[in-house]
Amino acid sequence: MADAIQDAETYIEAAAHNRADPWRKGAMLEFPDYGQLVMTGDLHGHRRNFERLQKFCDLENAAPRHVILHEIIHEDVVALTDVDMSHEVLACAARWKCEFPEQVHFLQSNHELAQINGHEITKNGRSVTIGFEEGVAESYGRDADRVMEAIDVFLRSYPLAGRTSNRVLLSHSLPASRDVPSFDATVLRREPTKEDMVDGGSAHMLVWGRYQTLSALNALAELLDVDFFICGHQPQEDGYEIIHDRMVILASDHNHGVFLPLDLNKAVTLDGLTKSIRPFAAIA
């Protein structure tokens, strides 16, 4: 049986680090103009890719390096009777944050937002939000409620996006084209309200949007004063996709998953971003 007290305390400590992150302004992480940032796609409990990410980042010896994680929970189980154990990877990520509070960062995602809002998501014929709670219950038994309460605090502490000085926005997703006119970009510069986080709110738009058009991406680039977007959310069987020469979509939740190291002190080009994408499978 997992240690409920220790893990609950880790989530609470990691949440405090998220809120006190020195790079955070409102709901935005503003990264410095030096070092490297490693951006991931959806992880969905993929333990091997997470471990390879930790090995690549080598944060013990790479102090100027930052890493962003998002959509860690709700693994794709093989059979309907399998138990979702993605909370184990979430706990490892929270411990990583506590060990390197100024280098490990999280972004809000639609699955994690659904978990804290109690909004059911059905995938492959099963409720992933209920499946996640069942996995926590299997690991912690009668102390599961205590751990779920701590997980809730942790997930609510996530910022919404990150921005680099070389004009790249990092977020789980972007508002859908139809939502761009009503998207309130000030949500990134302040503490999101409850209304922001539910359907129709700007934080909800940010993490749930899909299939952005070129005109929508151009409008968002002007609104947010960036040139490129690096996101996840939209599944990529081959690991990544480039959308309208503006948006890089990464997936980190399968054997063809990838991540993207970004130098923070160099001008960014689409060609440079594409060439920087690395497969997890290449990390021995």
C-alpha atoms as a PDB file:
ATOM      1  CA  MET A   1       0.000   0.000   0.000  1.00  0.00           C
ATOM      2  CA  ALA A   2       1.367   3.416  -0.985  1.00  0.00           C
ATOM      3  CA  ASP A   3       2.170   5.968   1.743  1.00  0.00           C
ATOM      4  CA  ALA A   4      -0.890   8.241   1.722  1.00  0.00           C
ATOM      5  CA  ILE A   5       0.419  10.724   4.283  1.00  0.00           C
ATOM      6  CA  GLN A   6       3.743  11.210   2.539  1.00  0.00           C
ATOM      7  CA  ASP A   7       2.229  11.502  -0.933  1.00  0.00           C
ATOM      8  CA  ALA A   8      -0.506  13.887   0.215  1.00  0.00           C
ATOM      9  CA  GLU A   9       2.121  16.118   1.820  1.00  0.00           C
ATOM     10  CA  THR A  10       4.171  16.019  -1.384  1.00  0.00           C
ATOM     11  CA  TYR A  11       1.187  17.212  -3.446  1.00  0.00           C
ATOM     12  CA  ILE A  12       0.539  20.068  -1.018  1.00  0.00           C
ATOM     13  CA  GLU A  13       4.202  21.085  -1.044  1.00  0.00           C
ATOM     14  CA  ALA A  14       4.366  20.908  -4.842  1.00  0.00           C
ATOM     15  CA  ALA A  15       1.207  23.031  -5.093  1.00  0.00           C
ATOM     16  CA  ALA A  16       2.841  25.678  -2.889  1.00  0.00           C
ATOM     17  CA  HIS A  17       5.891  25.647  -5.158  1.00  0.00           C
ATOM     18  CA  ASN A  18       3.643  26.035  -8.212  1.00  0.00           C
ATOM     19  CA  ARG A  19       1.993  29.116  -6.737  1.00  0.00           C
ATOM     20  CA  ALA A  20       5.295  30.614  -5.553  1.00  0.00           C
ATOM     21  CA  ASP A  21       7.162  29.853  -8.787  1.00  0.00           C
ATOM     22  CA  PRO A  22       9.498  32.837  -9.326  1.00  0.00           C
ATOM     23  CA  TRP A  23       8.815  32.717 -13.081  1.00  0.00           C
ATOM     24  CA  ARG A  24       5.049  32.952 -12.597  1.00  0.00           C
ATOM     25  CA  LYS A  25       3.028  36.117 -13.167  1.00  0.00           C
ATOM     26  CA  GLY A  26      -0.678  35.514 -12.717  1.00  0.00           C
ATOM     27  CA  ALA A  27      -1.420  32.322 -14.644  1.00  0.00           C
ATOM     28  CA  MET A  28       1.560  32.762 -16.977  1.00  0.00           C
ATOM     29  CA  LEU A  29       5.122  31.463 -16.649  1.00  0.00           C
ATOM     30  CA  GLU A  30       7.560  34.060 -18.039  1.00  0.00           C
ATOM     31  CA  PHE A  31      10.817  32.268 -18.791  1.00  0.00           C
ATOM     32  CA  PRO A  32      14.237  33.951 -18.835  1.00  0.00           C
ATOM     33  CA  ASP A  33      16.328  34.699 -21.922  1.00  0.00           C
ATOM     34  CA  TYR A  34      18.958  32.091 -21.100  1.00  0.00           C
ATOM     35  CA  GLY A  35      19.179  28.335 -20.703  1.00  0.00           C
ATOM     36  CA  GLN A  36      16.885  25.726 -22.219  1.00  0.00           C
ATOM     37  CA  LEU A  37      13.233  24.766 -21.910  1.00  0.00           C
ATOM     38  CA  VAL A  38      12.016  21.222 -22.585  1.00  0.00           C
ATOM     39  CA  MET A  39       8.386  21.077 -23.708  1.00  0.00           C
ATOM     40  CA  THR A  40       6.395  17.845 -23.678  1.00  0.00           C
ATOM     41  CA  GLY A  41       3.054  16.774 -25.070  1.00  0.00           C
ATOM     42  CA  ASP A  42       0.290  14.876 -23.285  1.00  0.00           C
ATOM     43  CA  LEU A  43       1.865  12.229 -21.050  1.00  0.00           C
ATOM     44  CA  HIS A  44      -1.197  10.257 -19.863  1.00  0.00           C
ATOM     45  CA  GLY A  45       0.674   8.180 -17.317  1.00  0.00           C
ATOM     46  CA  HIS A  46       3.372   6.921 -19.705  1.00  0.00           C
ATOM     47  CA  ARG A  47       5.930   5.994 -17.063  1.00  0.00           C
ATOM     48  CA  ARG A  48       8.753   4.999 -19.414  1.00  0.00           C
ATOM     49  CA  ASN A  49       8.626   8.290 -21.310  1.00  0.00           C
ATOM     50  CA  PHE A  50       8.529  10.202 -18.035  1.00  0.00           C
ATOM     51  CA  GLU A  51      11.622   8.373 -16.806  1.00  0.00           C
ATOM     52  CA  ARG A  52      13.390   9.054 -20.106  1.00  0.00           C
ATOM     53  CA  LEU A  53      12.445  12.711 -19.796  1.00  0.00           C
ATOM     54  CA  GLN A  54      14.013  12.879 -16.340  1.00  0.00           C
ATOM     55  CA  LYS A  55      17.163  11.257 -17.683  1.00  0.00           C
ATOM     56  CA  PHE A  56      17.431  13.699 -20.578  1.00  0.00           C
ATOM     57  CA  CYS A  57      16.760  16.767 -18.434  1.00  0.00           C
ATOM     58  CA  ASP A  58      19.396  15.756 -15.851  1.00  0.00           C
ATOM     59  CA  LEU A  59      18.308  18.656 -13.662  1.00  0.00           C
ATOM     60  CA  GLU A  60      20.901  17.834 -11.017  1.00  0.00           C
ATOM     61  CA  ASN A  61      23.561  19.002 -13.479  1.00  0.00           C
ATOM     62  CA  ALA A  62      21.621  21.434 -15.675  1.00  0.00           C
ATOM     63  CA  ALA A  63      20.474  24.316 -13.513  1.00  0.00           C
ATOM     64  CA  PRO A  64      19.561  26.630 -16.460  1.00  0.00           C
ATOM     65  CA  ARG A  65      17.169  23.984 -17.860  1.00  0.00           C
ATOM     66  CA  HIS A  66      13.381  24.105 -17.409  1.00  0.00           C
ATOM     67  CA  VAL A  67      10.855  21.370 -18.194  1.00  0.00           C
ATOM     68  CA  ILE A  68       7.084  21.620 -18.709  1.00  0.00           C
ATOM     69  CA  LEU A  69       4.634  18.789 -18.039  1.00  0.00           C
ATOM     70  CA  HIS A  70       0.912  18.690 -18.798  1.00  0.00           C
ATOM     71  CA  GLU A  71      -1.904  16.156 -19.044  1.00  0.00           C
ATOM     72  CA  ILE A  72      -0.094  13.631 -16.866  1.00  0.00           C
ATOM     73  CA  ILE A  73      -3.187  11.737 -15.727  1.00  0.00           C
ATOM     74  CA  HIS A  74      -5.711   9.350 -17.377  1.00  0.00           C
ATOM     75  CA  GLU A  75      -3.590   6.661 -18.990  1.00  0.00           C
ATOM     76  CA  ASP A  76      -4.835   4.671 -21.954  1.00  0.00           C
ATOM     77  CA  VAL A  77      -5.450   1.261 -20.400  1.00  0.00           C
ATOM     78  CA  VAL A  78      -5.396  -1.823 -22.613  1.00  0.00           C
ATOM     79  CA  ALA A  79      -8.606  -3.421 -21.348  1.00  0.00           C
ATOM     80  CA  LEU A  80     -11.734  -1.974 -19.738  1.00  0.00           C
ATOM     81  CA  THR A  81     -10.985  -3.989 -16.597  1.00  0.00           C
ATOM     82  CA  ASP A  82      -7.449  -2.587 -16.245  1.00  0.00           C
ATOM     83  CA  VAL A  83      -6.825  -0.011 -13.513  1.00  0.00           C
ATOM     84  CA  ASP A  84      -5.607   3.479 -14.380  1.00  0.00           C
ATOM     85  CA  MET A  85      -2.431   3.958 -12.309  1.00  0.00           C
ATOM     86  CA  SER A  86      -1.419   7.308 -13.806  1.00  0.00           C
ATOM     87  CA  HIS A  87      -1.513   8.821 -10.320  1.00  0.00           C
ATOM     88  CA  GLU A  88       1.815   7.080  -9.738  1.00  0.00           C
ATOM     89  CA  VAL A  89       3.428   9.193 -12.464  1.00  0.00           C
ATOM     90  CA  LEU A  90       1.644  12.263 -11.105  1.00  0.00           C
ATOM     91  CA  ALA A  91       3.168  11.594  -7.683  1.00  0.00           C
ATOM     92  CA  CYS A  92       6.626  11.218  -9.252  1.00  0.00           C
ATOM     93  CA  ALA A  93       6.147  14.525 -11.070  1.00  0.00           C
ATOM     94  CA  ALA A  94       5.105  16.257  -7.838  1.00  0.00           C
ATOM     95  CA  ARG A  95       8.230  14.925  -6.108  1.00  0.00           C
ATOM     96  CA  TRP A  96      10.317  16.191  -9.036  1.00  0.00           C
ATOM     97  CA  LYS A  97       8.777  19.643  -8.543  1.00  0.00           C
ATOM     98  CA  CYS A  98       9.658  19.582  -4.858  1.00  0.00           C
ATOM     99  CA  GLU A  99      13.243  18.616  -5.689  1.00  0.00           C
ATOM    100  CA  PHE A 100      13.653  21.246  -8.425  1.00  0.00           C
ATOM    101  CA  PRO A 101      10.979  23.890  -7.703  1.00  0.00           C
ATOM    102  CA  GLU A 102      12.360  26.530 -10.083  1.00  0.00           C
ATOM    103  CA  GLN A 103      12.937  24.143 -13.002  1.00  0.00           C
ATOM    104  CA  VAL A 104       9.942  21.754 -13.118  1.00  0.00           C
ATOM    105  CA  HIS A 105       6.669  23.337 -14.251  1.00  0.00           C
ATOM    106  CA  PHE A 106       3.112  22.254 -15.007  1.00  0.00           C
ATOM    107  CA  LEU A 107       0.384  23.580 -17.283  1.00  0.00           C
ATOM    108  CA  GLN A 108      -3.350  23.112 -16.915  1.00  0.00           C
ATOM    109  CA  SER A 109      -4.921  20.632 -19.349  1.00  0.00           C
ATOM    110  CA  ASN A 110      -8.439  19.589 -20.251  1.00  0.00           C
ATOM    111  CA  HIS A 111      -8.163  16.184 -18.537  1.00  0.00           C
ATOM    112  CA  GLU A 112      -6.817  17.612 -15.307  1.00  0.00           C
ATOM    113  CA  LEU A 113      -9.375  20.414 -15.411  1.00  0.00           C
ATOM    114  CA  ALA A 114     -12.107  17.811 -15.949  1.00  0.00           C
ATOM    115  CA  GLN A 115     -10.842  15.849 -12.950  1.00  0.00           C
ATOM    116  CA  ILE A 116     -11.059  18.821 -10.577  1.00  0.00           C
ATOM    117  CA  ASN A 117     -14.374  20.005 -12.038  1.00  0.00           C
ATOM    118  CA  GLY A 118     -15.960  16.549 -11.821  1.00  0.00           C
ATOM    119  CA  HIS A 119     -16.640  16.721 -15.560  1.00  0.00           C
ATOM    120  CA  GLU A 120     -16.807  13.177 -16.890  1.00  0.00           C
ATOM    121  CA  ILE A 121     -14.704  12.319 -19.931  1.00  0.00           C
ATOM    122  CA  THR A 122     -15.495   9.055 -21.686  1.00  0.00           C
ATOM    123  CA  LYS A 123     -12.699   7.487 -23.717  1.00  0.00           C
ATOM    124  CA  ASN A 124     -12.787   4.082 -25.374  1.00  0.00           C
ATOM    125  CA  GLY A 125     -16.010   3.234 -23.572  1.00  0.00           C
ATOM    126  CA  ARG A 126     -14.912   4.108 -20.015  1.00  0.00           C
ATOM    127  CA  SER A 127     -15.038   7.153 -17.752  1.00  0.00           C
ATOM    128  CA  VAL A 128     -11.421   8.217 -17.301  1.00  0.00           C
ATOM    129  CA  THR A 129     -12.211  10.524 -14.373  1.00  0.00           C
ATOM    130  CA  ILE A 130     -13.854   7.685 -12.433  1.00  0.00           C
ATOM    131  CA  GLY A 131     -11.103   5.309 -13.536  1.00  0.00           C
ATOM    132  CA  PHE A 132      -8.479   7.669 -12.114  1.00  0.00           C
ATOM    133  CA  GLU A 133     -10.254   7.751  -8.734  1.00  0.00           C
ATOM    134  CA  GLU A 134     -10.480   3.953  -8.749  1.00  0.00           C
ATOM    135  CA  GLY A 135      -6.725   3.725  -9.285  1.00  0.00           C
ATOM    136  CA  VAL A 136      -6.092   6.052  -6.340  1.00  0.00           C
ATOM    137  CA  ALA A 137      -8.448   3.953  -4.224  1.00  0.00           C
ATOM    138  CA  GLU A 138      -6.598   0.765  -5.138  1.00  0.00           C
ATOM    139  CA  SER A 139      -3.257   2.271  -4.122  1.00  0.00           C
ATOM    140  CA  TYR A 140      -4.294   4.035  -0.916  1.00  0.00           C
ATOM    141  CA  GLY A 141      -7.310   2.128   0.389  1.00  0.00           C
ATOM    142  CA  ARG A 142      -9.177   3.912   3.166  1.00  0.00           C
ATOM    143  CA  ASP A 143      -6.810   6.909   2.868  1.00  0.00           C
ATOM    144  CA  ALA A 144      -7.718   7.501  -0.784  1.00  0.00           C
ATOM    145  CA  ASP A 145      -9.944  10.501  -0.007  1.00  0.00           C
ATOM    146  CA  ARG A 146      -7.071  12.266   1.712  1.00  0.00           C
ATOM    147  CA  VAL A 147      -4.854  11.765  -1.312  1.00  0.00           C
ATOM    148  CA  MET A 148      -7.578  12.844  -3.755  1.00  0.00           C
ATOM    149  CA  GLU A 149      -8.060  16.060  -1.770  1.00  0.00           C
ATOM    150  CA  ALA A 150      -4.323  16.754  -2.000  1.00  0.00           C
ATOM    151  CA  ILE A 151      -4.297  15.951  -5.726  1.00  0.00           C
ATOM    152  CA  ASP A 152      -7.147  18.425  -6.157  1.00  0.00           C
ATOM    153  CA  VAL A 153      -5.089  21.164  -4.471  1.00  0.00           C
ATOM    154  CA  PHE A 154      -2.121  20.302  -6.660  1.00  0.00           C
ATOM    155  CA  LEU A 155      -4.045  20.312  -9.958  1.00  0.00           C
ATOM    156  CA  ARG A 156      -5.717  23.619  -9.088  1.00  0.00           C
ATOM    157  CA  SER A 157      -2.300  25.218  -8.580  1.00  0.00           C
ATOM    158  CA  TYR A 158      -1.267  24.817 -12.222  1.00  0.00           C
ATOM    159  CA  PRO A 159      -0.658  27.921 -14.339  1.00  0.00           C
ATOM    160  CA  LEU A 160      -2.306  28.114 -17.755  1.00  0.00           C
ATOM    161  CA  ALA A 161       0.567  28.882 -20.124  1.00  0.00           C
ATOM    162  CA  GLY A 162       4.211  29.767 -20.490  1.00  0.00           C
ATOM    163  CA  ARG A 163       5.902  32.378 -22.654  1.00  0.00           C
ATOM    164  CA  THR A 164       9.513  32.707 -23.730  1.00  0.00           C
ATOM    165  CA  SER A 165      11.370  35.923 -24.454  1.00  0.00           C
ATOM    166  CA  ASN A 166      12.015  34.605 -27.974  1.00  0.00           C
ATOM    167  CA  ARG A 167       8.266  34.746 -28.658  1.00  0.00           C
ATOM    168  CA  VAL A 168       6.957  31.221 -28.165  1.00  0.00           C
ATOM    169  CA  LEU A 169       3.764  30.438 -26.230  1.00  0.00           C
ATOM    170  CA  LEU A 170       3.542  27.066 -24.500  1.00  0.00           C
ATOM    171  CA  SER A 171       0.127  25.769 -23.516  1.00  0.00           C
ATOM    172  CA  HIS A 172      -1.877  22.561 -23.485  1.00  0.00           C
ATOM    173  CA  SER A 173      -3.965  23.852 -26.373  1.00  0.00           C
ATOM    174  CA  LEU A 174      -5.443  27.062 -27.788  1.00  0.00           C
ATOM    175  CA  PRO A 175      -8.997  28.362 -28.126  1.00  0.00           C
ATOM    176  CA  ALA A 176     -10.965  26.905 -31.018  1.00  0.00           C
ATOM    177  CA  SER A 177     -11.402  29.226 -33.978  1.00  0.00           C
ATOM    178  CA  ARG A 178     -14.998  30.046 -33.059  1.00  0.00           C
ATOM    179  CA  ASP A 179     -13.925  31.011 -29.515  1.00  0.00           C
ATOM    180  CA  VAL A 180     -11.067  33.360 -30.402  1.00  0.00           C
ATOM    181  CA  PRO A 181     -13.282  36.502 -30.584  1.00  0.00           C
ATOM    182  CA  SER A 182     -14.602  35.917 -27.045  1.00  0.00           C
ATOM    183  CA  PHE A 183     -11.335  34.671 -25.507  1.00  0.00           C
ATOM    184  CA  ASP A 184     -10.228  36.943 -22.651  1.00  0.00           C
ATOM    185  CA  ALA A 185      -6.434  36.952 -22.765  1.00  0.00           C
ATOM    186  CA  THR A 186      -6.247  38.704 -19.385  1.00  0.00           C
ATOM    187  CA  VAL A 187      -6.916  35.274 -17.841  1.00  0.00           C
ATOM    188  CA  LEU A 188      -3.210  34.580 -18.404  1.00  0.00           C
ATOM    189  CA  ARG A 189      -2.135  37.611 -16.358  1.00  0.00           C
ATOM    190  CA  ARG A 190      -4.276  37.071 -13.286  1.00  0.00           C
ATOM    191  CA  GLU A 191      -5.547  34.330 -11.023  1.00  0.00           C
ATOM    192  CA  PRO A 192      -8.334  32.539 -12.958  1.00  0.00           C
ATOM    193  CA  THR A 193     -11.786  32.656 -11.429  1.00  0.00           C
ATOM    194  CA  LYS A 194     -14.200  29.747 -11.073  1.00  0.00           C
ATOM    195  CA  GLU A 195     -16.051  31.123 -14.100  1.00  0.00           C
ATOM    196  CA  ASP A 196     -12.851  31.045 -16.159  1.00  0.00           C
ATOM    197  CA  MET A 197     -12.394  27.338 -15.448  1.00  0.00           C
ATOM    198  CA  VAL A 198     -15.797  26.035 -16.550  1.00  0.00           C
ATOM    199  CA  ASP A 199     -17.396  25.635 -19.967  1.00  0.00           C
ATOM    200  CA  GLY A 200     -17.592  29.056 -21.612  1.00  0.00           C
ATOM    201  CA  GLY A 201     -14.739  30.458 -19.541  1.00  0.00           C
ATOM    202  CA  SER A 202     -11.451  31.542 -21.081  1.00  0.00           C
ATOM    203  CA  ALA A 203      -9.273  29.018 -19.222  1.00  0.00           C
ATOM    204  CA  HIS A 204     -11.645  26.270 -20.362  1.00  0.00           C
ATOM    205  CA  MET A 205     -11.416  27.554 -23.954  1.00  0.00           C
ATOM    206  CA  LEU A 206      -7.634  27.520 -23.774  1.00  0.00           C
ATOM    207  CA  VAL A 207      -7.281  23.876 -22.733  1.00  0.00           C
ATOM    208  CA  TRP A 208     -10.169  22.375 -24.703  1.00  0.00           C
ATOM    209  CA  GLY A 209      -9.846  24.024 -28.138  1.00  0.00           C
ATOM    210  CA  ARG A 210      -8.987  21.979 -31.244  1.00  0.00           C
ATOM    211  CA  TYR A 211      -8.480  22.341 -35.004  1.00  0.00           C
ATOM    212  CA  GLN A 212      -7.338  25.959 -35.112  1.00  0.00           C
ATOM    213  CA  THR A 213      -7.454  27.703 -38.495  1.00  0.00           C
ATOM    214  CA  LEU A 214      -4.659  29.857 -39.889  1.00  0.00           C
ATOM    215  CA  SER A 215      -6.681  33.017 -39.269  1.00  0.00           C
ATOM    216  CA  ALA A 216      -7.310  31.964 -35.660  1.00  0.00           C
ATOM    217  CA  LEU A 217      -3.610  31.297 -35.068  1.00  0.00           C
ATOM    218  CA  ASN A 218      -2.659  34.624 -36.627  1.00  0.00           C
ATOM    219  CA  ALA A 219      -5.184  36.427 -34.431  1.00  0.00           C
ATOM    220  CA  LEU A 220      -3.931  34.666 -31.303  1.00  0.00           C
ATOM    221  CA  ALA A 221      -0.306  35.380 -32.229  1.00  0.00           C
ATOM    222  CA  GLU A 222      -1.093  39.090 -32.458  1.00  0.00           C
ATOM    223  CA  LEU A 223      -3.206  39.049 -29.292  1.00  0.00           C
ATOM    224  CA  LEU A 224      -0.546  37.240 -27.250  1.00  0.00           C
ATOM    225  CA  ASP A 225       2.457  38.879 -28.951  1.00  0.00           C
ATOM    226  CA  VAL A 226       4.165  35.639 -30.007  1.00  0.00           C
ATOM    227  CA  ASP A 227       5.278  34.011 -33.242  1.00  0.00           C
ATOM    228  CA  PHE A 228       4.848  30.306 -32.480  1.00  0.00           C
ATOM    229  CA  PHE A 229       2.794  27.981 -30.289  1.00  0.00           C
ATOM    230  CA  ILE A 230       3.860  24.627 -28.845  1.00  0.00           C
ATOM    231  CA  CYS A 231       0.960  22.560 -27.518  1.00  0.00           C
ATOM    232  CA  GLY A 232      -0.394  19.056 -26.999  1.00  0.00           C
ATOM    233  CA  HIS A 233      -4.030  17.966 -26.690  1.00  0.00           C
ATOM    234  CA  GLN A 234      -4.596  16.785 -30.267  1.00  0.00           C
ATOM    235  CA  PRO A 235      -3.470  13.130 -30.678  1.00  0.00           C
ATOM    236  CA  GLN A 236      -0.470  12.547 -32.933  1.00  0.00           C
ATOM    237  CA  GLU A 237       0.278   8.971 -33.943  1.00  0.00           C
ATOM    238  CA  ASP A 238       3.677   9.971 -35.344  1.00  0.00           C
ATOM    239  CA  GLY A 239       4.567  12.098 -32.320  1.00  0.00           C
ATOM    240  CA  TYR A 240       4.062  15.600 -33.699  1.00  0.00           C
ATOM    241  CA  GLU A 241       2.447  17.780 -36.338  1.00  0.00           C
ATOM    242  CA  ILE A 242       3.032  21.306 -37.635  1.00  0.00           C
ATOM    243  CA  ILE A 243      -0.157  23.347 -38.110  1.00  0.00           C
ATOM    244  CA  HIS A 244      -0.166  26.322 -40.507  1.00  0.00           C
ATOM    245  CA  ASP A 245       3.552  26.984 -39.889  1.00  0.00           C
ATOM    246  CA  ARG A 246       2.607  28.484 -36.518  1.00  0.00           C
ATOM    247  CA  MET A 247       1.694  25.671 -34.147  1.00  0.00           C
ATOM    248  CA  VAL A 248       3.687  22.603 -33.127  1.00  0.00           C
ATOM    249  CA  ILE A 249       1.591  19.838 -31.574  1.00  0.00           C
ATOM    250  CA  LEU A 250       3.489  17.251 -29.512  1.00  0.00           C
ATOM    251  CA  ALA A 251       2.434  13.860 -28.142  1.00  0.00           C
ATOM    252  CA  SER A 252       4.398  12.159 -25.347  1.00  0.00           C
ATOM    253  CA  ASP A 253       2.002   9.357 -24.402  1.00  0.00           C
ATOM    254  CA  HIS A 254       3.075   6.450 -26.622  1.00  0.00           C
ATOM    255  CA  ASN A 255       6.113   4.661 -28.009  1.00  0.00           C
ATOM    256  CA  HIS A 256       6.441   7.190 -30.851  1.00  0.00           C
ATOM    257  CA  GLY A 257       6.150  10.084 -28.407  1.00  0.00           C
ATOM    258  CA  VAL A 258       8.407  13.126 -28.596  1.00  0.00           C
ATOM    259  CA  PHE A 259       9.546  16.196 -26.675  1.00  0.00           C
ATOM    260  CA  LEU A 260      11.052  19.493 -27.796  1.00  0.00           C
ATOM    261  CA  PRO A 261      14.113  21.194 -26.238  1.00  0.00           C
ATOM    262  CA  LEU A 262      14.058  24.948 -26.930  1.00  0.00           C
ATOM    263  CA  ASP A 263      17.067  27.235 -26.460  1.00  0.00           C
ATOM    264  CA  LEU A 264      15.853  30.371 -24.700  1.00  0.00           C
ATOM    265  CA  ASN A 265      18.625  32.657 -25.929  1.00  0.00           C
ATOM    266  CA  LYS A 266      18.296  32.093 -29.689  1.00  0.00           C
ATOM    267  CA  ALA A 267      15.935  33.374 -32.341  1.00  0.00           C
ATOM    268  CA  VAL A 268      13.227  30.817 -33.084  1.00  0.00           C
ATOM    269  CA  THR A 269      12.330  29.578 -36.565  1.00  0.00           C
ATOM    270  CA  LEU A 270       9.897  26.885 -37.643  1.00  0.00           C
ATOM    271  CA  ASP A 271      12.738  24.900 -39.174  1.00  0.00           C
ATOM    272  CA  GLY A 272      14.683  25.136 -35.928  1.00  0.00           C
ATOM    273  CA  LEU A 273      11.708  23.995 -33.871  1.00  0.00           C
ATOM    274  CA  THR A 274      11.070  21.036 -36.150  1.00  0.00           C
ATOM    275  CA  LYS A 275      14.693  19.935 -36.130  1.00  0.00           C
ATOM    276  CA  SER A 276      14.802  20.145 -32.315  1.00  0.00           C
ATOM    277  CA  ILE A 277      12.003  17.590 -31.782  1.00  0.00           C
ATOM    278  CA  ARG A 278      13.386  14.478 -30.097  1.00  0.00           C
ATOM    279  CA  PRO A 279      11.821  10.995 -29.783  1.00  0.00           C
ATOM    280  CA  PHE A 280      11.738   9.504 -26.298  1.00  0.00           C
ATOM    281  CA  ALA A 281      12.845   6.213 -27.838  1.00  0.00           C
ATOM    282  CA  ALA A 282      16.249   7.789 -28.586  1.00  0.00           C
ATOM    283  CA  ILE A 283      16.945   8.246 -24.859  1.00  0.00           C
ATOM    284  CA  ALA A 284      18.650   5.040 -23.780  1.00  0.00           C
END
